[in-house]
Protein backbone atom coordinates (compact mmCIF):
# COMPACT_ATOMS: atom_id res chain seq x y z
CA MET A 1 105.99 126.87 75.62
CA ASN A 2 106.17 130.43 76.75
CA ASP A 3 103.27 132.78 76.02
CA SER A 4 104.97 134.63 73.11
CA ALA A 5 105.91 130.96 71.65
CA GLN A 6 102.01 129.83 71.27
CA SER A 7 101.00 129.92 67.61
CA ALA A 8 97.24 130.37 68.75
CA PRO A 9 97.55 129.65 71.65
CA GLY A 10 73.62 126.33 97.08
CA VAL A 11 72.25 126.30 93.58
CA ASP A 12 68.77 126.39 92.45
CA ARG A 13 67.36 122.89 92.34
CA SER A 14 65.74 121.51 89.00
CA ALA A 15 62.24 119.69 89.97
CA THR A 16 62.34 117.06 92.17
CA SER A 17 59.57 114.43 92.43
CA THR A 18 58.52 112.05 95.35
CA VAL A 19 58.87 108.45 94.16
CA SER A 20 56.90 105.86 95.96
CA ARG A 21 58.52 103.37 98.04
CA ARG A 22 58.19 99.76 96.73
CA ALA A 23 58.88 96.30 97.91
CA LEU A 24 62.00 95.18 96.14
CA LEU A 25 60.22 91.63 96.50
CA ARG A 26 56.84 91.40 94.51
CA ALA A 27 54.67 88.22 95.78
CA GLY A 28 54.95 85.66 92.72
CA ALA A 29 56.70 87.72 90.73
CA GLY A 30 60.06 86.18 90.80
CA LEU A 31 61.76 89.56 91.06
CA VAL A 32 65.51 89.53 91.05
CA LEU A 33 68.22 92.53 90.24
CA TRP A 34 70.59 92.01 87.53
CA ARG A 35 73.36 91.75 89.73
CA ALA A 36 72.27 92.22 93.24
CA VAL A 37 69.72 92.38 95.51
CA ALA A 38 69.10 95.13 98.23
CA ASP A 39 66.19 96.69 99.94
CA SER A 40 66.87 100.61 101.28
CA GLY A 41 64.29 103.52 101.73
CA LEU A 42 64.32 106.29 99.12
CA GLU A 43 63.48 109.79 99.74
CA ALA A 44 62.67 112.76 97.64
CA ALA A 45 66.00 114.90 97.81
CA GLU A 46 64.96 118.12 99.89
CA GLY A 47 67.02 121.70 100.14
CA GLN A 48 69.48 123.18 97.86
CA ARG A 49 72.07 121.26 96.08
CA ALA A 50 75.75 122.32 96.08
CA ALA A 51 77.41 123.39 92.99
CA PHE A 52 78.59 120.34 90.78
CA GLU A 53 81.25 122.10 89.09
CA LYS A 54 82.88 123.77 91.97
CA PRO A 55 82.49 121.55 95.43
CA ALA A 56 83.87 123.29 98.32
CA SER A 57 87.40 122.03 99.71
CA PRO A 58 87.28 121.33 103.36
CA PRO A 59 89.50 123.79 105.25
CA ALA A 60 93.06 122.50 105.61
CA ALA A 61 92.37 118.67 104.50
CA VAL A 62 95.77 119.11 103.02
CA GLU A 63 98.26 121.88 103.79
CA ALA A 64 101.93 122.84 103.01
CA ILE A 65 104.14 123.10 105.86
CA ASP A 66 108.07 123.34 106.25
CA VAL A 67 108.01 125.87 103.32
CA GLU A 68 111.15 127.45 101.98
CA GLN A 69 111.95 129.53 99.21
CA ARG A 70 115.50 129.60 97.84
CA GLU A 71 117.06 131.39 95.13
CA VAL A 72 119.04 129.23 93.06
CA TYR A 73 120.41 131.15 90.15
CA ARG A 74 120.95 134.78 89.14
CA SER A 75 122.98 136.30 86.32
CA ALA A 76 126.17 138.15 87.51
CA LYS A 77 125.83 140.79 84.85
CA LYS A 78 123.02 143.14 84.39
CA PRO A 79 120.37 142.86 83.05
CA ALA A 80 119.88 139.69 84.57
CA TYR A 81 117.93 137.08 82.26
CA THR A 82 117.67 133.60 83.69
CA SER A 83 114.60 131.92 82.63
CA TRP A 84 112.73 128.88 81.36
CA VAL A 85 113.50 126.53 83.79
CA SER A 86 113.74 122.52 83.57
CA LEU A 87 114.02 120.33 86.56
CA PHE A 88 114.75 116.74 86.63
CA PRO A 89 116.27 114.09 88.79
CA GLY A 90 119.92 111.97 88.42
CA GLN A 91 119.89 108.41 89.15
CA ALA A 92 121.75 108.55 92.84
CA GLY A 93 119.76 111.22 94.58
CA GLU A 94 121.23 114.41 92.73
CA TRP A 95 118.86 117.00 91.05
CA TYR A 96 119.47 119.09 88.07
CA LEU A 97 118.05 122.34 87.07
CA SER A 98 118.62 124.25 83.63
CA CYS A 99 117.55 127.44 82.45
CA GLU A 100 118.41 130.10 79.61
CA GLU A 101 121.12 132.77 80.51
CA VAL A 102 120.98 135.71 78.26
CA LEU A 103 123.73 138.26 78.14
CA LYS A 104 124.86 141.19 76.15
CA SER A 105 127.17 140.46 73.51
CA ASP A 106 130.31 142.52 72.92
CA PRO A 107 130.65 142.66 69.86
CA PRO A 108 126.93 141.89 69.30
CA ALA A 109 126.34 138.73 67.32
CA THR A 110 125.23 138.81 64.01
CA ARG A 111 121.30 139.67 63.81
CA SER A 112 119.06 137.44 62.20
CA SER A 113 118.09 138.49 58.82
CA LEU A 114 114.72 140.88 58.58
CA ASP A 115 112.97 138.15 56.74
CA HIS A 116 113.69 135.42 59.63
CA TRP A 117 112.49 137.99 62.25
CA TYR A 118 109.49 138.61 60.19
CA ARG A 119 108.42 135.07 59.86
CA MET A 120 109.01 134.54 63.76
CA GLY A 121 106.42 136.92 64.38
CA LEU A 122 107.43 138.03 68.01
CA PRO A 123 106.64 141.43 69.52
CA ASP A 124 109.23 144.37 69.00
CA GLY A 125 112.17 144.02 71.83
CA TYR A 126 112.24 140.08 71.79
CA ASP A 127 114.80 139.73 69.04
CA LYS A 128 117.47 137.93 70.80
CA SER A 129 119.90 137.19 67.69
CA PRO A 130 122.57 139.79 68.74
CA LEU A 131 123.00 138.46 72.31
CA ARG A 132 124.95 136.05 74.03
CA MET A 133 122.39 133.05 74.85
CA GLU A 134 123.26 129.84 76.84
CA VAL A 135 121.72 127.11 78.35
CA VAL A 136 122.96 126.70 82.07
CA LEU A 137 122.82 123.37 83.88
CA LEU A 138 123.20 123.23 87.51
CA GLU A 139 123.41 120.30 89.63
CA SER A 140 122.81 119.71 93.60
CA ARG A 141 124.18 116.35 95.27
CA ASP A 142 122.94 117.64 98.99
CA GLN A 143 119.21 117.26 98.68
CA CYS A 144 118.88 120.88 97.00
CA GLY A 145 120.79 122.70 99.76
CA SER A 146 123.27 124.01 97.27
CA TRP A 147 123.61 124.22 93.42
CA ASN A 148 126.69 124.37 91.12
CA VAL A 149 126.92 125.40 87.46
CA ILE A 150 128.52 122.14 85.54
CA SER A 151 127.56 123.11 81.96
CA ARG A 152 127.34 126.27 79.82
CA TRP A 153 125.83 125.38 76.27
CA PRO A 154 126.05 128.27 73.93
CA CYS A 155 123.30 128.09 71.40
CA ARG A 156 121.74 129.82 68.56
CA PHE A 157 117.95 130.08 69.01
CA GLN A 158 115.46 132.93 68.51
CA HIS A 159 114.00 133.96 71.87
CA SER A 160 114.40 130.91 73.66
CA ALA A 161 116.14 127.29 73.44
CA GLY A 162 112.93 125.89 74.57
CA SER A 163 114.88 123.29 76.69
CA PHE A 164 111.91 122.46 78.94
CA ALA A 165 112.36 118.69 77.97
CA ALA A 166 115.64 116.93 79.71
CA ALA A 167 116.27 113.97 81.57
CA LYS A 168 119.48 111.90 82.79
CA THR A 169 119.44 108.49 81.71
CA ARG A 170 120.35 105.13 83.78
CA ASP A 171 123.65 104.89 81.69
CA GLY A 172 124.76 108.31 82.69
CA ARG A 173 123.95 110.47 79.58
CA PHE A 174 121.78 113.79 79.45
CA LEU A 175 119.28 114.12 76.94
CA ARG A 176 117.72 117.65 76.19
CA GLY A 177 114.83 118.62 73.83
CA VAL A 178 115.13 122.03 71.65
CA TRP A 179 113.12 123.84 69.71
CA GLY A 180 114.61 123.38 66.59
CA CYS A 181 112.24 125.53 64.31
CA TYR A 182 113.72 128.60 66.52
CA ARG A 183 117.36 127.89 65.50
CA LEU A 184 119.16 131.01 64.19
CA ASP A 185 121.48 128.98 61.78
CA ASP A 186 121.00 126.64 58.92
CA GLU A 187 122.76 123.71 60.18
CA GLY A 188 119.76 121.31 60.21
CA HIS A 189 116.08 121.29 60.23
CA SER A 190 113.19 122.08 62.45
CA GLY A 191 112.48 118.09 63.06
CA GLU A 192 115.78 117.78 64.93
CA LEU A 193 114.81 118.18 68.76
CA LEU A 194 117.26 116.02 70.68
CA TYR A 195 120.70 116.60 72.01
CA GLU A 196 122.83 114.12 74.14
CA SER A 197 125.89 114.86 76.45
CA ARG A 198 128.15 111.95 77.26
CA ASP A 199 130.44 114.08 79.45
CA GLU A 200 128.06 115.60 82.26
CA GLY A 201 127.35 118.32 79.90
CA LYS A 202 130.39 119.67 78.78
CA THR A 203 129.74 119.01 75.04
CA TRP A 204 126.58 118.43 73.17
CA GLN A 205 125.72 116.36 70.06
CA LYS A 206 122.88 116.22 68.00
CA LEU A 207 120.79 113.22 67.70
CA PRO A 208 118.76 111.95 64.64
CA ALA A 209 115.70 113.82 63.89
CA LEU A 210 112.70 112.57 66.00
CA MET A 211 110.28 114.54 63.32
CA ASP A 212 110.17 115.07 59.75
CA ALA A 213 111.49 118.47 58.52
CA ARG A 214 108.21 119.30 57.42
CA PHE A 215 107.00 119.83 61.11
CA ALA A 216 107.78 122.70 63.73
CA ALA A 217 107.96 120.92 67.04
CA TYR A 218 108.43 122.22 70.76
CA PRO A 219 109.31 119.56 73.20
CA HIS A 220 107.86 120.33 76.45
CA ARG A 221 108.34 117.36 79.13
CA MET A 222 110.71 114.37 79.07
CA LYS A 223 110.46 111.92 82.17
CA GLN A 224 111.97 108.36 82.86
CA LEU A 225 109.42 105.94 84.17
CA ARG A 226 109.88 103.23 86.84
CA ASP A 227 110.61 100.56 84.15
CA GLY A 228 113.06 102.65 82.51
CA THR A 229 110.99 103.98 79.63
CA ILE A 230 111.68 107.75 78.89
CA VAL A 231 108.46 109.60 77.65
CA VAL A 232 108.88 112.79 75.83
CA ALA A 233 105.78 115.07 75.31
CA VAL A 234 106.04 117.20 72.05
CA PRO A 235 103.34 119.70 70.66
CA PHE A 236 103.96 120.04 66.91
CA GLN A 237 102.19 122.03 63.93
CA ALA A 238 103.14 122.23 60.19
CA GLY A 239 106.28 123.73 59.39
CA TRP A 240 106.33 127.75 59.06
CA GLY A 241 108.95 129.97 56.85
CA ARG A 242 109.43 130.80 53.40
CA ASP A 243 108.09 128.10 51.00
CA ALA A 244 106.54 126.27 53.92
CA ASP A 245 102.94 125.33 54.55
CA LEU A 246 102.53 128.26 56.82
CA PRO A 247 104.30 131.35 55.92
CA LEU A 248 104.35 132.79 59.59
CA ARG A 249 104.73 131.22 63.01
CA THR A 250 101.60 132.73 63.77
CA SER A 251 99.79 131.31 61.18
CA MET A 252 96.69 129.14 60.94
CA ARG A 253 94.82 127.64 57.94
CA LEU A 254 91.32 128.70 57.85
CA GLU A 255 89.84 125.16 57.55
CA ALA A 256 92.31 123.66 60.30
CA GLN A 257 90.42 122.81 63.18
CA ASN A 258 93.57 123.82 65.40
CA GLU A 259 96.94 123.90 63.87
CA MET A 260 99.11 122.74 67.34
CA GLN A 261 98.80 119.01 67.97
CA MET A 262 100.09 117.14 71.29
CA GLY A 263 102.32 113.98 70.77
CA ILE A 264 104.06 111.57 72.90
CA PHE A 265 107.32 109.74 71.98
CA ILE A 266 108.57 106.65 73.89
CA SER A 267 112.01 105.21 74.02
CA SER A 268 112.79 101.90 75.80
CA ASP A 269 116.70 102.08 75.26
CA GLU A 270 117.60 105.09 76.94
CA GLY A 271 116.51 107.51 74.27
CA ARG A 272 118.54 106.11 71.37
CA THR A 273 115.56 104.95 69.53
CA TRP A 274 111.95 106.37 69.72
CA LEU A 275 108.34 105.19 68.77
CA GLY A 276 105.61 107.96 68.04
CA PRO A 277 103.97 110.05 68.10
CA THR A 278 101.02 109.31 69.78
CA ILE A 279 98.39 111.93 69.45
CA ILE A 280 96.56 113.03 72.89
CA PHE A 281 93.87 115.68 73.34
CA PRO A 282 92.74 115.35 69.93
CA GLY A 283 90.74 118.44 68.43
CA HIS A 284 92.52 120.97 71.14
CA VAL A 285 95.14 123.33 71.16
CA VAL A 286 97.70 122.01 73.53
CA SER A 287 101.05 123.43 73.52
CA GLU A 288 102.02 122.42 77.17
CA THR A 289 101.19 119.89 79.17
CA ASP A 290 102.55 117.90 82.01
CA PHE A 291 101.87 114.19 83.13
CA VAL A 292 102.28 111.53 85.91
CA GLU A 293 102.84 107.81 86.14
CA LEU A 294 100.24 106.22 88.01
CA PRO A 295 100.71 103.24 90.29
CA SER A 296 99.53 100.80 87.57
CA GLY A 297 101.93 101.96 85.16
CA ASP A 298 99.56 104.13 82.79
CA LEU A 299 100.12 107.91 82.32
CA LEU A 300 97.71 110.67 83.33
CA PHE A 301 98.15 113.81 81.26
CA PHE A 302 96.77 117.64 81.95
CA ASN A 303 95.61 119.95 79.68
CA ASN A 304 95.98 123.17 81.83
CA SER A 305 93.92 125.98 82.49
CA ILE A 306 95.95 128.29 80.10
CA PHE A 307 94.20 126.54 77.62
CA ALA A 308 90.37 127.02 76.43
CA GLN A 309 89.30 123.27 77.61
CA PRO A 310 91.20 122.43 80.47
CA GLY A 311 90.88 118.50 81.42
CA ARG A 312 93.03 115.33 81.65
CA GLN A 313 93.48 112.04 79.57
CA MET A 314 94.46 108.69 80.63
CA VAL A 315 96.76 106.93 78.52
CA CYS A 316 97.13 103.48 78.88
CA ARG A 317 100.44 101.23 78.44
CA THR A 318 99.56 98.06 76.58
CA ARG A 319 101.55 95.25 74.63
CA GLN A 320 100.47 97.22 71.72
CA GLY A 321 101.85 100.48 73.02
CA LEU A 322 100.34 103.47 74.28
CA VAL A 323 96.44 103.78 74.04
CA PRO A 324 94.84 107.08 74.86
CA GLY A 325 91.60 107.20 76.67
CA PRO A 326 89.03 110.06 76.08
CA MET A 327 89.72 113.52 77.22
CA LEU A 328 88.01 114.27 80.37
CA LYS A 329 87.13 117.95 80.91
CA CYS A 330 87.50 119.75 84.19
CA HIS A 331 84.32 122.13 84.06
CA GLY A 332 85.04 125.27 86.78
CA GLN A 333 88.23 123.76 87.67
CA SER A 334 91.68 125.62 87.54
CA VAL A 335 94.01 122.73 86.32
CA PRO A 336 97.56 123.52 87.09
CA GLU A 337 100.44 123.47 84.30
CA THR A 338 102.71 121.06 86.28
CA VAL A 339 101.90 118.13 88.24
CA VAL A 340 103.58 115.56 90.39
CA LEU A 341 101.86 112.54 92.15
CA THR A 342 103.18 112.17 95.52
CA ARG A 343 103.76 109.35 98.15
CA GLU A 344 100.87 110.59 100.17
CA ARG A 345 98.76 109.68 96.96
CA ILE A 346 97.97 113.31 96.25
CA LEU A 347 98.48 115.02 93.22
CA VAL A 348 100.24 118.62 93.79
CA GLY A 349 100.39 121.29 91.07
CA ALA A 350 101.31 124.71 90.49
CA MET A 351 100.10 127.35 87.94
CA ARG A 352 102.75 130.27 86.84
CA ASN A 353 102.52 133.25 89.10
CA GLY A 354 99.62 131.39 90.69
CA ASN A 355 98.70 129.02 93.65
CA TYR A 356 99.79 125.75 94.46
CA THR A 357 96.80 123.30 94.37
CA TRP A 358 95.85 119.58 95.38
CA SER A 359 93.68 116.85 94.11
CA ASP A 360 92.88 113.39 95.58
CA ASP A 361 90.69 112.18 92.76
CA GLU A 362 93.30 111.96 89.75
CA GLY A 363 92.81 115.69 88.98
CA ALA A 364 88.93 115.68 88.60
CA THR A 365 88.89 118.49 91.21
CA TRP A 366 91.50 120.97 92.31
CA HIS A 367 91.73 122.97 95.68
CA LYS A 368 94.08 125.53 96.88
CA LEU A 369 97.13 124.23 98.81
CA ASN A 370 96.96 126.19 102.31
CA GLY A 371 100.14 127.12 103.59
CA ALA A 372 102.13 127.23 100.29
CA PRO A 373 103.37 130.89 98.92
CA ALA A 374 102.49 132.20 95.43
CA CYS A 375 104.31 130.17 92.70
CA GLY A 376 107.05 131.64 90.05
CA TYR A 377 106.80 131.40 86.44
CA GLN A 378 106.89 128.58 84.33
CA PRO A 379 107.06 126.05 86.96
CA MET A 380 108.28 122.34 87.27
CA ILE A 381 107.27 120.23 90.06
CA ARG A 382 108.68 117.06 91.73
CA GLN A 383 109.06 115.06 94.65
CA MET A 384 112.35 114.43 96.26
CA ASP A 385 113.19 111.03 98.08
CA ASP A 386 113.15 112.75 101.39
CA GLY A 387 109.24 113.51 100.51
CA ARG A 388 109.85 117.14 100.08
CA VAL A 389 107.91 118.86 97.24
CA LEU A 390 110.46 120.74 94.91
CA CYS A 391 109.23 123.19 92.52
CA ALA A 392 111.58 125.10 90.25
CA TRP A 393 110.70 128.22 88.52
CA HIS A 394 111.86 131.67 87.60
CA ARG A 395 110.90 135.00 88.89
CA GLY A 396 108.98 137.29 86.30
CA ALA A 397 107.03 136.34 83.45
CA ASP A 398 107.75 136.06 79.65
CA ASP A 399 109.91 139.22 79.52
CA ALA A 400 111.87 140.89 76.82
CA PHE A 401 115.55 141.05 77.62
CA ALA A 402 115.92 143.72 80.25
CA GLY A 403 112.22 144.00 80.96
CA ALA A 404 112.62 142.59 84.45
CA GLU A 405 115.21 141.50 87.20
CA GLN A 406 114.90 137.75 86.77
CA PHE A 407 116.26 134.71 89.25
CA VAL A 408 115.68 131.25 89.08
CA GLY A 409 114.30 130.08 92.57
CA VAL A 410 112.98 126.86 94.12
CA HIS A 411 110.18 126.30 96.81
CA LEU A 412 110.36 123.37 98.72
CA PHE A 413 107.82 122.11 101.56
CA ARG A 414 105.98 118.83 102.98
CA LEU A 415 102.76 117.87 102.44
CA LYS A 416 100.66 117.49 105.78
CA VAL A 417 97.41 115.58 105.07
CA ASN A 418 95.00 116.34 107.99
CA ARG A 419 92.17 114.23 106.56
CA PRO A 420 93.01 111.54 104.20
CA THR A 421 90.36 110.88 102.03
CA ALA A 422 89.59 107.28 101.12
CA LYS A 423 89.01 106.60 97.39
CA THR A 424 85.27 105.70 96.50
CA ARG A 425 83.70 104.01 93.87
CA LEU A 426 79.91 104.09 92.89
CA ASN A 427 78.26 101.24 90.87
CA ILE A 428 75.10 101.00 89.11
CA ASP A 429 72.98 97.95 88.17
CA ARG A 430 69.52 97.92 86.92
CA GLY A 431 66.57 95.58 88.19
CA TYR A 432 65.41 92.52 86.25
CA ASP A 433 62.04 90.92 86.68
CA ALA A 434 62.41 87.31 85.38
CA ALA A 435 58.76 86.48 85.36
CA GLN A 436 58.02 89.34 83.26
CA ASP A 437 61.35 88.78 81.19
CA ARG A 438 61.95 92.81 81.73
CA PHE A 439 64.32 95.09 82.81
CA LEU A 440 62.83 97.38 85.35
CA ASN A 441 62.87 101.10 85.91
CA GLU A 442 64.65 100.52 89.18
CA TYR A 443 68.31 100.84 89.85
CA LEU A 444 70.74 99.61 92.61
CA LEU A 445 73.56 101.81 93.38
CA THR A 446 76.42 100.17 95.44
CA LEU A 447 78.90 102.43 97.19
CA THR A 448 82.41 101.36 98.21
CA ALA A 449 85.73 102.93 99.68
CA ASP A 450 88.69 100.81 98.95
CA GLY A 451 86.52 97.82 98.61
CA ARG A 452 84.59 98.39 101.60
CA PRO A 453 80.64 99.02 101.71
CA LEU A 454 79.76 102.47 102.89
CA PRO A 455 76.47 102.44 104.93
CA GLU A 456 74.34 105.53 105.67
CA LYS A 457 75.72 107.69 102.91
CA ASN A 458 73.55 110.01 100.96
CA ILE A 459 73.29 109.33 97.17
CA GLU A 460 71.97 111.55 94.53
CA LEU A 461 70.45 110.47 91.20
CA TRP A 462 69.71 113.02 88.46
CA TYR A 463 67.51 111.79 85.50
CA VAL A 464 65.93 113.18 82.15
CA ALA A 465 63.74 112.14 79.94
CA ARG A 466 64.80 111.81 75.95
CA ASP A 467 64.43 115.47 74.35
CA ALA A 468 63.45 117.16 77.47
CA PRO A 469 65.51 120.08 78.71
CA GLY A 470 68.62 118.88 80.16
CA TYR A 471 69.03 116.02 77.76
CA ASP A 472 72.19 115.89 75.97
CA SER A 473 73.29 112.67 74.01
CA TRP A 474 76.84 113.61 73.92
CA CYS A 475 77.58 115.49 76.94
CA HIS A 476 78.44 118.69 75.12
CA LYS A 477 77.33 120.97 78.14
CA PRO A 478 78.32 120.84 81.44
CA ILE A 479 76.32 118.59 83.99
CA SER A 480 75.61 121.77 86.19
CA GLU A 481 73.90 123.41 83.04
CA ARG A 482 71.88 120.73 82.35
CA MET A 483 70.56 120.19 85.56
CA LYS A 484 69.64 123.67 85.84
CA ALA A 485 67.94 123.27 82.77
CA GLY A 486 65.62 120.34 83.89
CA GLY A 487 65.49 117.06 84.91
CA LYS A 488 64.87 115.53 88.25
CA LEU A 489 67.10 115.05 91.05
CA ILE A 490 66.26 112.45 93.95
CA SER A 491 68.18 111.09 96.75
CA ALA A 492 68.66 107.95 98.95
CA THR A 493 70.72 106.70 101.78
CA THR A 494 72.71 103.47 101.48
CA ASP A 495 71.94 100.30 103.58
CA ALA A 496 74.71 98.21 105.48
CA ARG A 497 75.70 96.99 102.41
CA GLY A 498 76.34 100.34 100.95
CA GLN A 499 73.69 99.94 98.59
CA ALA A 500 70.62 102.30 97.81
CA ARG A 501 67.58 101.59 95.23
CA PHE A 502 66.01 104.08 93.26
CA ALA A 503 62.65 103.42 91.34
CA LEU A 504 61.78 105.67 88.44
CA ALA A 505 57.95 104.50 88.34
CA GLU A 506 57.00 107.32 85.96
CA PHE A 507 58.76 105.37 83.09
CA ASP A 508 56.74 101.93 83.73
CA ALA A 509 53.73 102.83 81.69
CA ARG A 510 56.02 103.50 78.72
CA THR A 511 55.25 101.32 75.36
CA ILE A 512 57.46 103.17 72.70
CA VAL A 513 60.54 101.11 72.49
CA HIS A 514 62.36 104.31 71.54
CA ASP A 515 61.43 106.01 74.81
CA SER A 516 64.57 106.50 76.89
CA TYR A 517 66.32 108.42 79.65
CA GLN A 518 69.75 109.51 80.93
CA LEU A 519 70.72 109.57 84.50
CA PHE A 520 73.87 109.36 86.33
CA ALA A 521 74.58 109.29 90.35
CA ARG A 522 77.00 110.71 92.80
CA PHE A 523 78.34 110.92 96.17
CA ASN A 524 79.80 113.30 98.18
CA ALA A 525 79.64 116.20 95.08
CA ASP A 526 79.78 119.31 97.78
CA ARG A 527 82.57 117.45 99.95
CA SER A 528 80.53 117.73 102.98
CA ASP A 529 81.92 114.29 104.03
CA PRO A 530 85.85 115.18 104.33
CA ASP A 531 86.70 111.40 104.65
CA PHE A 532 85.80 110.37 101.12
CA ALA A 533 86.55 111.68 97.83
CA PRO A 534 83.52 112.24 95.66
CA ALA A 535 82.44 109.67 93.34
CA THR A 536 80.29 109.77 90.18
CA THR A 537 78.84 107.30 87.46
CA PRO A 538 79.16 107.60 84.09
CA GLN A 539 75.98 109.05 82.33
CA CYS A 540 73.85 106.02 81.17
CA GLU A 541 70.83 106.10 78.76
CA PHE A 542 68.11 103.47 79.38
CA TYR A 543 65.40 102.49 77.33
CA ALA A 544 62.32 102.27 79.58
CA VAL A 545 61.16 99.35 77.80
CA SER A 546 63.79 96.75 77.57
CA HIS A 547 63.38 92.90 77.80
CA GLY A 548 65.71 89.91 78.08
CA ASN A 549 63.97 88.12 75.28
CA ARG A 550 65.30 90.09 72.39
């Protein structure tokens, strides 16, 4: 959602200790590990640890090459207002790009009522009701070398049609989402969000309402997945206006945690019927999101850094429908607003009037893409069949009519991966002494890359006792802050089997059954090893006294 359309919208080390080296097998004790056995040296961590929240990117690990910038469309009449791009593929190599074009109307169109303007809550100068507004659809059939206007749709929406969500179906129809709550006429209601064209964009017909009239909704992304399923991401809130739950677009109820929610609708019949919404990013104000389809078929959604709590969320596709996982916060990261998963297994993203960035760990960390130019405003990014990354945007910002000389442009570039990073995994297992029928305060960490063990790699383990500084049952604070507050950080080197053992002897003498501690382990957090992606275990909480015979 464009800005004016949003309703509310080397670090000092904690104390370390030297943990005594233990033999893995004790004479006559019958000691075994719960899942695996290993014997590796353990050393106290030394020197300064790198900042957990901002790992350094190796120089030019990934870069953009063969960069091109092209102007795609500029209004022939001044002032030039061509904004709010949607970019999507066809079914036979063609590409489509739509934007909103605004022109002076002679004579001026009928101005919206003062009451309507008041309830929209827009800044002075943003009333477009007297102007001529069209959604322009362009097509390229030569790998984005040239573009031709194939459709002009006159529309009556205040400020923006909001046509960011669009797709071309496998049976040749165009689908377009609009912000029904911004309509300037009384034909329909705010839950009517979808239009279709069966004649290459020449005419458009409204589809049955996607949402109830009690809601105001703003379709933001629409993509067709590999199996033909169409997904549309729709932020929505309580309806606003005279006699509605909210009197103004900019209203919020005092007792509401947030008015805006992000929902997902899916269609398995080319957009004729829909199921949803499935709510994602619960408890967070999210009026814009983008997502990618992973090789597994699951969907990875992003809450970008425009919003207060940037992060990501996996949505699993199951027989029972979409099942969202937890939101994973991206502390200290600049999460882009539009993202594509490339064939190089690299995520590439862009931020309005900002940088292109890349990630090799499913969006946990992001790094500036060397060689790429500054991006334009409200971008949308994809990858073409020939491997080039394609990003469309408009030059300017969230400008009022006549506020800037705008045009729609694209960037094209190829990715050059100079140092591919192998995906890593770090597993943790607790030791068990069968003779004592007791789980030990000893842990085996196993590091693998694409299923292979990684020897001679440094593993760090941080732990903190219950209720001590740094302890946090619910991970409310960033782990970097907790590590500064307290706990201990120790390290060990993996053996030939990719395994390292950690012994926390200080907890062996505990007798109170409620005594516990939290820990997590990590590999390559500072990215000092450019060949491998970082790996981190979940935070685990263990009781110091724990027996097999409960």
